[in-house]
Amino acid sequence: MNGDWLLRGRDGRLTVYLPSDDAVLCRAELAPGGAWEAPRRIGGEQRLRPGPAVGQGADGYAHLVAWRPTGNGESGLVHSTHFRPRLAPLDWVPVGHPGKKGDRTGTPAVAVDDRGRAHVFVRTRGGGVSVLAQREKGGWEPWADLGGEDVHEQLTAVTGESGRVELYAAVPGGILHWRQEEPGKQPVRAGGVDVPVQPGTLRALATSAGRTTLFFTDERGELCAWRPGDEPVSLVAAAGPGPVSAVRCDIEGHDCTVLAQRSASGRVAFAAYPTEREPAGAWWTESGPQLPADGTVSVALDEHGEVVAASHAPSTGTLLLTRRKDEPGLALWAWREI
């Protein structure tokens, strides 16, 4: 799943969105902090291609996007909205193809602006990026070409504290950045940075008013943080492959950023540091059982604003959950299967 797949709804309940064969499953808490419902398949029997994406707006609504097969060697994108954890998500609705027709072009990314409009980003056949934005009163704007070249297929999108949408993409030898300059406007190219980045490792987080932080792994295996306008900063050696999951929270009265990643050993590694203060340093602490090679982790805040983490392995279907204890630091309860 492209994006953090453990989300808290507007009623405080947690929901997970899990890829499974040719579908996306969702599960939600029956009550905040309580038992979980059985998995539900989103959109009935609609078959999907691998690599769905999820994003969430300030209203708590989750927006999901995926490719579906439409014919011999062709695919199209579909969209669903999930308004509340205990409600069924809407059926998948076709939203088209950035090149009008053709096969899958890349993994989509989704972010939702302050007006509740989902923005769907995807690489084009030519190696650039296109965006599809919802209209405020229903329907979708036409596809718009944002430019770029040699863009890696996995993008990462984020909504800043300002409510404006931003996009990051890896290219050979660097990172490209787009952002909305004004509410409701199309994102525009906002420069980038030359850095040896490993594709498929990008994850962004809103970290202060008007600023987002991009986390990525460089070619040396270092987990780095970059805020547009500054130089990238090496934070700590990456615990393992793939992107981190990240969330901001209060730890003993301090605004901290918590990172989680499946480590090279297969366990989940956590690190925390004062938000936007990378020179303070961070270090990993491993937790929980060893996960299969396809295991992923996602972090969020629960109904009390405390860190909660989930791990999922599609090969086994196992879903594990842990929460922060009411103790100093980032102490966690034992992982439990749900």
Protein backbone atom coordinates (compact mmCIF):
# COMPACT_ATOMS: atom_id res chain seq x y z
CA MET A 1 0.00 0.00 0.00
CA ASN A 2 1.49 3.34 -1.04
CA GLY A 3 0.99 5.65 1.95
CA ASP A 4 0.42 5.04 5.64
CA TRP A 5 -2.27 2.36 5.75
CA LEU A 6 -3.14 2.59 9.48
CA LEU A 7 -5.48 5.58 9.89
CA ARG A 8 -7.59 7.08 12.68
CA GLY A 9 -11.10 8.06 11.65
CA ARG A 10 -12.99 11.13 12.79
CA ASP A 11 -14.75 9.03 15.46
CA GLY A 12 -11.42 7.90 16.99
CA ARG A 13 -11.57 4.37 15.64
CA LEU A 14 -8.56 2.94 13.82
CA THR A 15 -8.79 1.38 10.36
CA VAL A 16 -6.28 -0.62 8.35
CA TYR A 17 -6.25 -0.94 4.56
CA LEU A 18 -4.53 -4.09 3.33
CA PRO A 19 -3.70 -5.28 -0.20
CA SER A 20 -4.74 -8.87 -0.76
CA ASP A 21 -4.28 -10.63 -4.11
CA ASP A 22 -6.49 -8.64 -6.50
CA ALA A 23 -8.34 -6.60 -3.85
CA VAL A 24 -7.99 -4.17 -0.95
CA LEU A 25 -9.35 -5.24 2.44
CA CYS A 26 -10.29 -2.95 5.31
CA ARG A 27 -10.69 -3.65 9.02
CA ALA A 28 -11.81 -1.23 11.74
CA GLU A 29 -12.05 -1.14 15.51
CA LEU A 30 -15.55 -1.81 16.83
CA ALA A 31 -14.85 0.91 19.41
CA PRO A 32 -11.76 3.05 20.04
CA GLY A 33 -9.16 0.82 21.66
CA GLY A 34 -11.46 -2.20 21.44
CA ALA A 35 -11.87 -5.36 19.39
CA TRP A 36 -11.64 -5.37 15.59
CA GLU A 37 -14.17 -6.38 12.96
CA ALA A 38 -13.48 -9.08 10.38
CA PRO A 39 -11.84 -8.04 7.09
CA ARG A 40 -14.10 -6.56 4.40
CA ARG A 41 -13.34 -6.43 0.69
CA ILE A 42 -13.64 -2.91 -0.70
CA GLY A 43 -15.79 -2.47 -3.78
CA GLY A 44 -17.30 -5.94 -4.07
CA GLU A 45 -15.83 -8.25 -6.68
CA GLN A 46 -13.95 -5.57 -8.62
CA ARG A 47 -10.48 -6.97 -9.45
CA LEU A 48 -7.48 -4.69 -8.92
CA ARG A 49 -3.89 -4.56 -10.05
CA PRO A 50 -1.08 -4.52 -7.43
CA GLY A 51 -0.02 -1.28 -5.77
CA PRO A 52 -3.06 0.56 -4.33
CA ALA A 53 -2.62 3.90 -2.54
CA VAL A 54 -4.38 5.63 0.35
CA GLY A 55 -4.50 9.19 1.67
CA GLN A 56 -6.52 10.96 4.36
CA GLY A 57 -7.96 14.45 4.65
CA ALA A 58 -8.36 16.67 7.70
CA ASP A 59 -12.02 15.56 7.76
CA GLY A 60 -10.86 12.01 8.50
CA TYR A 61 -12.11 10.64 5.18
CA ALA A 62 -9.83 8.08 3.53
CA HIS A 63 -9.35 8.15 -0.24
CA LEU A 64 -8.15 5.01 -2.00
CA VAL A 65 -6.89 4.68 -5.56
CA ALA A 66 -5.86 1.60 -7.52
CA TRP A 67 -5.39 0.32 -11.04
CA ARG A 68 -7.90 -2.17 -12.43
CA PRO A 69 -7.61 -4.25 -15.62
CA THR A 70 -9.89 -2.90 -18.35
CA GLY A 71 -9.00 -5.07 -21.32
CA ASN A 72 -6.20 -6.85 -23.11
CA GLY A 73 -3.05 -5.14 -21.85
CA GLU A 74 -4.93 -2.08 -20.62
CA SER A 75 -5.76 -0.65 -17.19
CA GLY A 76 -7.55 2.31 -15.67
CA LEU A 77 -7.53 3.99 -12.29
CA VAL A 78 -10.40 3.67 -9.82
CA HIS A 79 -11.20 5.69 -6.67
CA SER A 80 -13.11 4.97 -3.47
CA THR A 81 -13.91 7.09 -0.40
CA HIS A 82 -14.26 5.72 3.12
CA PHE A 83 -16.09 8.24 5.31
CA ARG A 84 -16.10 6.45 8.67
CA PRO A 85 -14.42 3.26 9.93
CA ARG A 86 -17.63 1.30 10.63
CA LEU A 87 -19.30 2.32 7.35
CA ALA A 88 -18.64 0.44 4.14
CA PRO A 89 -16.33 2.27 1.72
CA LEU A 90 -17.94 3.49 -1.48
CA ASP A 91 -17.71 1.30 -4.57
CA TRP A 92 -14.75 1.78 -6.87
CA VAL A 93 -15.44 4.48 -9.47
CA PRO A 94 -13.38 4.70 -12.69
CA VAL A 95 -11.40 7.95 -12.96
CA GLY A 96 -9.50 7.30 -16.16
CA HIS A 97 -5.91 7.04 -17.36
CA PRO A 98 -3.28 9.82 -17.58
CA GLY A 99 -2.71 8.89 -21.23
CA LYS A 100 -6.43 8.33 -21.93
CA LYS A 101 -5.76 4.61 -22.43
CA GLY A 102 -3.02 2.04 -22.03
CA ASP A 103 -1.55 -0.16 -19.35
CA ARG A 104 -0.54 0.69 -15.80
CA THR A 105 2.12 3.44 -15.77
CA GLY A 106 3.19 3.55 -12.11
CA THR A 107 2.12 3.33 -8.49
CA PRO A 108 -0.39 6.10 -7.66
CA ALA A 109 -0.09 8.47 -4.71
CA VAL A 110 -2.95 10.31 -3.00
CA ALA A 111 -3.17 13.46 -0.87
CA VAL A 112 -6.22 15.49 0.19
CA ASP A 113 -6.18 19.29 0.37
CA ASP A 114 -7.87 21.57 2.91
CA ARG A 115 -11.01 21.65 0.77
CA GLY A 116 -11.42 17.88 1.00
CA ARG A 117 -10.36 17.34 -2.62
CA ALA A 118 -8.35 14.21 -3.36
CA HIS A 119 -5.35 14.67 -5.65
CA VAL A 120 -4.23 11.54 -7.50
CA PHE A 121 -0.65 11.55 -8.80
CA VAL A 122 0.81 8.95 -11.13
CA ARG A 123 3.80 8.60 -13.43
CA THR A 124 3.06 8.90 -17.14
CA ARG A 125 4.25 6.69 -19.99
CA GLY A 126 6.79 9.38 -20.86
CA GLY A 127 8.35 9.35 -17.39
CA GLY A 128 6.74 12.56 -16.10
CA VAL A 129 3.91 13.05 -13.60
CA SER A 130 0.20 13.71 -14.08
CA VAL A 131 -2.38 14.77 -11.49
CA LEU A 132 -6.13 14.30 -11.30
CA ALA A 133 -7.97 16.49 -8.75
CA GLN A 134 -11.51 16.27 -7.45
CA ARG A 135 -13.90 19.17 -7.94
CA GLU A 136 -15.35 20.60 -4.74
CA LYS A 137 -18.92 19.95 -5.86
CA GLY A 138 -18.38 16.50 -7.33
CA GLY A 139 -16.62 14.99 -10.29
CA TRP A 140 -13.03 15.42 -11.38
CA GLU A 141 -10.95 18.04 -13.14
CA PRO A 142 -9.19 16.96 -16.36
CA TRP A 143 -5.84 15.24 -16.07
CA ALA A 144 -3.01 17.78 -15.86
CA ASP A 145 0.61 17.19 -16.88
CA LEU A 146 3.04 18.35 -14.16
CA GLY A 147 6.19 17.66 -16.18
CA GLY A 148 9.31 15.88 -14.98
CA GLU A 149 11.37 13.18 -16.68
CA ASP A 150 12.81 9.79 -15.72
CA VAL A 151 10.56 9.78 -12.64
CA HIS A 152 10.59 6.58 -10.62
CA GLU A 153 7.21 4.90 -10.55
CA GLN A 154 6.63 5.16 -6.78
CA LEU A 155 5.69 8.71 -5.72
CA THR A 156 4.90 10.10 -2.28
CA ALA A 157 2.27 12.79 -1.65
CA VAL A 158 1.58 14.76 1.54
CA THR A 159 -0.67 17.52 2.81
CA GLY A 160 1.06 20.27 4.78
CA GLU A 161 -0.30 21.96 7.89
CA SER A 162 -1.42 24.74 5.54
CA GLY A 163 -3.76 22.25 3.86
CA ARG A 164 -1.83 22.46 0.59
CA VAL A 165 -0.80 19.33 -1.26
CA GLU A 166 2.81 18.48 -2.09
CA LEU A 167 4.44 15.73 -4.14
CA TYR A 168 7.93 14.23 -4.14
CA ALA A 169 9.45 11.94 -6.75
CA ALA A 170 12.81 10.22 -7.13
CA VAL A 171 14.76 10.64 -10.37
CA PRO A 172 18.29 9.49 -11.28
CA GLY A 173 20.60 11.47 -9.02
CA GLY A 174 17.95 13.51 -7.25
CA ILE A 175 14.47 14.33 -5.99
CA LEU A 176 11.79 16.50 -7.60
CA HIS A 177 9.23 18.51 -5.63
CA TRP A 178 5.81 19.96 -6.53
CA ARG A 179 3.46 21.96 -4.31
CA GLN A 180 0.25 23.98 -4.36
CA GLU A 181 1.20 27.66 -4.18
CA GLU A 182 -2.41 28.65 -3.45
CA PRO A 183 -5.39 26.72 -2.05
CA GLY A 184 -7.38 24.97 -4.75
CA LYS A 185 -4.72 25.50 -7.42
CA GLN A 186 -2.84 22.89 -9.41
CA PRO A 187 0.52 21.87 -7.86
CA VAL A 188 3.53 23.33 -9.65
CA ARG A 189 7.17 22.36 -9.84
CA ALA A 190 9.04 23.80 -6.86
CA GLY A 191 12.57 22.70 -7.57
CA GLY A 192 14.33 19.71 -6.08
CA VAL A 193 17.68 18.55 -4.82
CA ASP A 194 20.62 16.62 -6.26
CA VAL A 195 21.16 13.62 -4.01
CA PRO A 196 21.87 9.91 -4.62
CA VAL A 197 18.50 8.53 -3.51
CA GLN A 198 17.32 4.92 -3.49
CA PRO A 199 14.01 4.78 -5.42
CA GLY A 200 11.06 3.37 -3.49
CA THR A 201 12.22 4.81 -0.14
CA LEU A 202 10.42 8.18 -0.08
CA ARG A 203 7.93 9.11 2.68
CA ALA A 204 6.82 12.65 3.57
CA LEU A 205 5.35 14.19 6.73
CA ALA A 206 4.02 17.63 7.64
CA THR A 207 6.40 18.82 10.36
CA SER A 208 5.65 22.54 10.88
CA ALA A 209 3.59 25.39 9.50
CA GLY A 210 4.40 25.66 5.81
CA ARG A 211 7.04 22.91 5.85
CA THR A 212 7.06 19.22 5.11
CA THR A 213 9.94 16.81 5.64
CA LEU A 214 10.84 14.11 3.16
CA PHE A 215 12.52 10.97 4.49
CA PHE A 216 14.52 8.82 2.08
CA THR A 217 17.43 6.40 1.98
CA ASP A 218 20.52 7.44 0.05
CA GLU A 219 22.89 5.17 -1.84
CA ARG A 220 25.07 4.75 1.26
CA GLY A 221 22.13 3.28 3.16
CA GLU A 222 21.67 6.38 5.32
CA LEU A 223 18.15 7.51 6.22
CA CYS A 224 18.04 11.21 5.36
CA ALA A 225 15.63 14.08 5.99
CA TRP A 226 15.10 16.92 3.53
CA ARG A 227 13.01 20.07 3.71
CA PRO A 228 12.84 22.11 0.49
CA GLY A 229 15.09 25.15 0.79
CA ASP A 230 17.59 23.31 3.00
CA GLU A 231 20.19 20.63 2.35
CA PRO A 232 19.43 16.96 3.10
CA VAL A 233 20.58 15.79 6.55
CA SER A 234 21.71 12.27 7.39
CA LEU A 235 19.71 11.08 10.40
CA VAL A 236 20.62 7.42 11.04
CA ALA A 237 21.50 4.33 9.04
CA ALA A 238 18.30 2.91 7.53
CA ALA A 239 17.02 -0.04 9.54
CA GLY A 240 16.01 -1.92 6.40
CA PRO A 241 14.72 -1.55 2.84
CA GLY A 242 11.74 0.48 1.71
CA PRO A 243 10.22 3.68 3.10
CA VAL A 244 9.74 4.51 6.76
CA SER A 245 6.34 5.23 8.29
CA ALA A 246 6.29 8.49 10.25
CA VAL A 247 4.05 10.35 12.67
CA ARG A 248 4.37 13.38 14.96
CA CYS A 249 3.37 13.06 18.59
CA ASP A 250 3.92 14.48 22.06
CA ILE A 251 6.47 12.58 24.13
CA GLU A 252 6.87 13.96 27.66
CA GLY A 253 5.90 17.44 26.50
CA HIS A 254 8.13 17.48 23.42
CA ASP A 255 7.03 17.57 19.77
CA CYS A 256 8.67 14.44 18.38
CA THR A 257 8.74 12.57 15.11
CA VAL A 258 8.44 8.79 15.42
CA LEU A 259 9.78 6.61 12.60
CA ALA A 260 9.13 2.91 12.04
CA GLN A 261 10.64 0.54 9.49
CA ARG A 262 10.96 -3.19 8.95
CA SER A 263 14.58 -3.86 9.85
CA ALA A 264 17.09 -6.06 8.06
CA SER A 265 16.54 -8.65 10.81
CA GLY A 266 12.81 -8.73 10.00
CA ARG A 267 11.63 -7.08 13.21
CA VAL A 268 10.08 -3.61 13.43
CA ALA A 269 12.53 -0.86 14.34
CA PHE A 270 11.43 2.43 15.96
CA ALA A 271 13.27 5.73 16.33
CA ALA A 272 12.18 9.10 17.73
CA TYR A 273 13.75 12.55 17.73
CA PRO A 274 12.64 16.18 18.27
CA THR A 275 10.72 17.27 15.18
CA GLU A 276 12.90 19.10 12.63
CA ARG A 277 15.92 18.81 14.91
CA GLU A 278 17.83 16.09 13.09
CA PRO A 279 21.20 17.09 14.60
CA ALA A 280 19.85 15.82 17.94
CA GLY A 281 20.26 12.34 16.48
CA ALA A 282 18.13 9.21 16.47
CA TRP A 283 18.72 5.51 17.01
CA TRP A 284 16.70 2.39 16.32
CA THR A 285 15.12 0.05 18.86
CA GLU A 286 13.74 -3.22 17.50
CA SER A 287 10.41 -4.60 18.66
CA GLY A 288 8.09 -7.53 18.12
CA PRO A 289 8.46 -10.81 16.21
CA GLN A 290 10.33 -11.32 12.97
CA LEU A 291 8.21 -10.50 9.92
CA PRO A 292 8.30 -12.15 6.47
CA ALA A 293 10.18 -10.37 3.70
CA ASP A 294 6.97 -8.69 2.50
CA GLY A 295 6.08 -7.36 5.96
CA THR A 296 5.38 -3.64 6.31
CA VAL A 297 4.68 -1.33 9.24
CA SER A 298 2.49 1.76 9.63
CA VAL A 299 2.24 4.19 12.57
CA ALA A 300 -0.56 6.55 13.60
CA LEU A 301 -2.02 8.22 16.69
CA ASP A 302 -4.88 6.63 18.59
CA GLU A 303 -7.90 8.34 20.15
CA HIS A 304 -5.71 9.58 23.03
CA GLY A 305 -3.00 10.97 20.73
CA GLU A 306 -0.64 8.12 21.61
CA VAL A 307 1.50 6.20 19.13
CA VAL A 308 0.01 3.00 17.74
CA ALA A 309 1.72 0.76 15.19
CA ALA A 310 0.53 -2.09 12.98
CA SER A 311 2.50 -4.61 10.94
CA HIS A 312 1.14 -6.70 8.10
CA ALA A 313 2.55 -9.46 5.92
CA PRO A 314 0.45 -10.17 2.79
CA SER A 315 2.09 -13.59 2.36
CA THR A 316 0.68 -14.80 5.68
CA GLY A 317 -2.21 -12.39 6.23
CA THR A 318 -0.94 -11.74 9.76
CA LEU A 319 -1.86 -8.35 11.25
CA LEU A 320 -0.16 -7.31 14.51
CA LEU A 321 -0.74 -4.22 16.65
CA THR A 322 1.05 -2.44 19.49
CA ARG A 323 0.51 0.80 21.41
CA ARG A 324 2.62 3.09 23.52
CA LYS A 325 2.57 2.43 27.26
CA ASP A 326 1.85 5.14 29.80
CA GLU A 327 5.54 5.29 30.67
CA PRO A 328 8.44 7.65 29.93
CA GLY A 329 9.94 7.42 26.47
CA LEU A 330 8.58 5.26 23.66
CA ALA A 331 7.85 2.08 25.59
CA LEU A 332 5.38 -0.21 23.78
CA TRP A 333 3.05 -3.00 24.82
CA ALA A 334 3.68 -6.49 23.49
CA TRP A 335 2.49 -6.97 19.90
CA ARG A 336 -0.80 -8.84 19.55
CA GLU A 337 -2.49 -10.38 16.57
CA ILE A 338 -5.86 -8.90 15.59
